[in-house]
Amino acid sequence: MARPLRLLTRRAGPVGLALTAYDIWRRIPKRQRKQIVAATRKHGPRVASHLIQRRRRPR
């Protein structure tokens, strides 16, 4: 069985996915949005560097 997110992205495309993400973001309470932004600022660079390192590794 296909994953629901995979079906959503395949049908909606990048614009539909962005609109859906924006709609979900608006529904989250402001306090929790601030927590998400703070966590992203804290952990985002580490996650990005890890992804870059994984990408450089040969398969």
C-alpha atoms as a PDB file:
ATOM      1  CA  MET A   1       0.000   0.000   0.000  1.00  0.00           C
ATOM      2  CA  ALA A   2       1.346   3.446  -0.913  1.00  0.00           C
ATOM      3  CA  ARG A   3       2.108   5.963   1.780  1.00  0.00           C
ATOM      4  CA  PRO A   4      -0.484   8.776   2.103  1.00  0.00           C
ATOM      5  CA  LEU A   5       2.159  11.526   1.900  1.00  0.00           C
ATOM      6  CA  ARG A   6       3.603  10.006  -1.269  1.00  0.00           C
ATOM      7  CA  LEU A   7       0.167  10.013  -2.891  1.00  0.00           C
ATOM      8  CA  LEU A   8      -0.421  13.602  -1.829  1.00  0.00           C
ATOM      9  CA  THR A   9       2.850  14.888  -3.273  1.00  0.00           C
ATOM     10  CA  ARG A  10       2.494  12.897  -6.469  1.00  0.00           C
ATOM     11  CA  ARG A  11      -0.965  14.297  -7.199  1.00  0.00           C
ATOM     12  CA  ALA A  12      -0.573  17.820  -5.875  1.00  0.00           C
ATOM     13  CA  GLY A  13       2.851  18.695  -7.198  1.00  0.00           C
ATOM     14  CA  PRO A  14       5.175  21.241  -5.640  1.00  0.00           C
ATOM     15  CA  VAL A  15       2.685  24.123  -5.629  1.00  0.00           C
ATOM     16  CA  GLY A  16      -0.077  22.052  -4.079  1.00  0.00           C
ATOM     17  CA  LEU A  17       2.308  20.724  -1.465  1.00  0.00           C
ATOM     18  CA  ALA A  18       3.444  24.259  -0.587  1.00  0.00           C
ATOM     19  CA  LEU A  19      -0.165  25.443  -0.255  1.00  0.00           C
ATOM     20  CA  THR A  20      -1.018  22.465   1.945  1.00  0.00           C
ATOM     21  CA  ALA A  21       2.019  23.103   4.161  1.00  0.00           C
ATOM     22  CA  TYR A  22       1.046  26.778   4.476  1.00  0.00           C
ATOM     23  CA  ASP A  23      -2.522  25.839   5.418  1.00  0.00           C
ATOM     24  CA  ILE A  24      -1.294  23.425   8.099  1.00  0.00           C
ATOM     25  CA  TRP A  25       1.181  26.049   9.379  1.00  0.00           C
ATOM     26  CA  ARG A  26      -1.656  28.576   9.800  1.00  0.00           C
ATOM     27  CA  ARG A  27      -3.682  26.098  11.853  1.00  0.00           C
ATOM     28  CA  ILE A  28      -0.875  25.506  14.364  1.00  0.00           C
ATOM     29  CA  PRO A  29      -1.142  27.769  17.443  1.00  0.00           C
ATOM     30  CA  LYS A  30       1.268  30.716  17.408  1.00  0.00           C
ATOM     31  CA  ARG A  31       3.170  29.509  20.470  1.00  0.00           C
ATOM     32  CA  GLN A  32       3.893  26.134  18.892  1.00  0.00           C
ATOM     33  CA  ARG A  33       4.912  27.807  15.621  1.00  0.00           C
ATOM     34  CA  LYS A  34       7.537  29.739  17.578  1.00  0.00           C
ATOM     35  CA  GLN A  35       8.781  26.473  19.114  1.00  0.00           C
ATOM     36  CA  ILE A  36       9.087  24.914  15.654  1.00  0.00           C
ATOM     37  CA  VAL A  37      11.008  27.924  14.332  1.00  0.00           C
ATOM     38  CA  ALA A  38      13.357  27.863  17.345  1.00  0.00           C
ATOM     39  CA  ALA A  39      14.021  24.132  16.930  1.00  0.00           C
ATOM     40  CA  THR A  40      14.633  24.604  13.207  1.00  0.00           C
ATOM     41  CA  ARG A  41      17.131  27.384  13.855  1.00  0.00           C
ATOM     42  CA  LYS A  42      18.914  25.270  16.439  1.00  0.00           C
ATOM     43  CA  HIS A  43      19.025  21.925  14.632  1.00  0.00           C
ATOM     44  CA  GLY A  44      18.645  22.924  10.966  1.00  0.00           C
ATOM     45  CA  PRO A  45      22.325  23.593  10.207  1.00  0.00           C
ATOM     46  CA  ARG A  46      23.370  20.270  11.754  1.00  0.00           C
ATOM     47  CA  VAL A  47      20.763  18.349   9.771  1.00  0.00           C
ATOM     48  CA  ALA A  48      21.755  20.125   6.551  1.00  0.00           C
ATOM     49  CA  SER A  49      25.462  19.385   7.036  1.00  0.00           C
ATOM     50  CA  HIS A  50      24.673  15.735   7.764  1.00  0.00           C
ATOM     51  CA  LEU A  51      22.648  15.492   4.546  1.00  0.00           C
ATOM     52  CA  ILE A  52      25.485  17.057   2.559  1.00  0.00           C
ATOM     53  CA  GLN A  53      27.944  14.538   4.013  1.00  0.00           C
ATOM     54  CA  ARG A  54      25.623  11.636   3.199  1.00  0.00           C
ATOM     55  CA  ARG A  55      25.245  12.896  -0.338  1.00  0.00           C
ATOM     56  CA  ARG A  56      29.010  12.987  -0.872  1.00  0.00           C
ATOM     57  CA  ARG A  57      29.466   9.359   0.210  1.00  0.00           C
ATOM     58  CA  PRO A  58      29.587   6.797  -2.588  1.00  0.00           C
ATOM     59  CA  ARG A  59      26.742   4.322  -2.626  1.00  0.00           C
END
